[in-house]
Amino acid sequence: MESMKVFLDHLYFSIVCVAVGVLVLYLMLIGINAESIIYNNLLALGIICCVLCCALAAFLTFRTIKGRIRQPIIYTRRGE
């Protein structure tokens, strides 16, 4: 359950990062008058955005879970 929460947190962060990147790219393309490229490939841009978000979230989640400090196992002896 905790891993899913970490994944959703990273997915939200990834969506925000990729959305900002797409917005900046969109503004740059409008600046050079390449609007037809955007409107002709809007579906592809959306799919690429979703794939990048999920890939980035999965990578960040993997790194977070792998780098988590685990609690040491305490060995005890019974009867002493």
Protein backbone atom coordinates (compact mmCIF):
# COMPACT_ATOMS: atom_id res chain seq x y z
CA MET A 1 0.00 0.00 0.00
CA GLU A 2 2.82 2.36 0.84
CA SER A 3 4.46 1.67 -2.51
CA MET A 4 1.23 2.63 -4.29
CA LYS A 5 1.08 5.90 -2.36
CA VAL A 6 4.68 6.67 -3.31
CA PHE A 7 3.87 5.85 -6.95
CA LEU A 8 0.83 8.17 -6.96
CA ASP A 9 2.89 10.98 -5.41
CA HIS A 10 5.54 10.55 -8.07
CA LEU A 11 2.91 10.27 -10.81
CA TYR A 12 1.43 13.62 -9.75
CA PHE A 13 4.89 15.22 -9.74
CA SER A 14 5.64 13.69 -13.14
CA ILE A 15 2.39 14.94 -14.65
CA VAL A 16 3.12 18.45 -13.45
CA CYS A 17 6.70 18.35 -14.80
CA VAL A 18 5.70 16.97 -18.19
CA ALA A 19 2.74 19.37 -18.46
CA VAL A 20 5.03 22.33 -17.82
CA GLY A 21 7.46 20.97 -20.42
CA VAL A 22 4.68 20.53 -22.98
CA LEU A 23 3.41 24.05 -22.26
CA VAL A 24 6.88 25.52 -22.77
CA LEU A 25 7.28 23.52 -25.98
CA TYR A 26 3.85 24.70 -27.17
CA LEU A 27 4.74 28.33 -26.50
CA MET A 28 8.05 27.94 -28.33
CA LEU A 29 6.33 26.40 -31.35
CA ILE A 30 3.76 29.18 -31.40
CA GLY A 31 6.63 31.65 -31.28
CA ILE A 32 8.07 30.23 -34.50
CA ASN A 33 4.61 29.94 -36.14
CA ALA A 34 4.50 26.14 -36.23
CA GLU A 35 0.86 25.81 -35.11
CA SER A 36 0.00 23.27 -37.82
CA ILE A 37 2.54 20.81 -36.35
CA ILE A 38 0.80 21.01 -32.98
CA TYR A 39 -2.77 20.63 -34.20
CA ASN A 40 -1.96 17.82 -36.65
CA ASN A 41 -0.24 15.77 -33.94
CA LEU A 42 -2.28 16.64 -30.85
CA LEU A 43 -3.24 13.02 -30.09
CA ALA A 44 0.36 11.87 -30.44
CA LEU A 45 1.49 14.67 -28.13
CA GLY A 46 -1.06 13.58 -25.51
CA ILE A 47 0.00 9.94 -25.72
CA ILE A 48 3.67 10.87 -25.45
CA CYS A 49 2.88 13.05 -22.43
CA CYS A 50 1.06 10.19 -20.66
CA VAL A 51 3.82 7.68 -21.43
CA LEU A 52 6.52 10.06 -20.19
CA CYS A 53 4.56 10.72 -16.98
CA CYS A 54 4.15 7.02 -16.20
CA ALA A 55 7.77 6.21 -17.07
CA LEU A 56 9.11 9.02 -14.91
CA ALA A 57 6.83 8.06 -12.02
CA ALA A 58 7.86 4.40 -12.26
CA PHE A 59 11.56 5.33 -12.32
CA LEU A 60 11.26 7.68 -9.34
CA THR A 61 9.23 5.12 -7.40
CA PHE A 62 11.78 2.40 -8.10
CA ARG A 63 14.62 4.64 -6.89
CA THR A 64 12.68 5.65 -3.76
CA ILE A 65 11.77 2.10 -2.80
CA LYS A 66 15.24 0.75 -3.59
CA GLY A 67 16.95 3.49 -1.57
CA ARG A 68 14.67 3.20 1.45
CA ILE A 69 16.49 2.39 4.68
CA ARG A 70 15.16 -0.86 6.04
CA GLN A 71 14.65 -1.49 9.71
CA PRO A 72 17.20 -3.90 11.13
CA ILE A 73 15.92 -7.30 12.22
CA ILE A 74 16.52 -7.80 15.89
CA TYR A 75 17.38 -11.36 16.79
CA THR A 76 16.49 -12.45 20.28
CA ARG A 77 17.08 -15.69 22.08
CA ARG A 78 14.27 -17.20 24.04
CA GLY A 79 14.87 -18.64 27.44
CA GLU A 80 17.84 -16.52 28.39
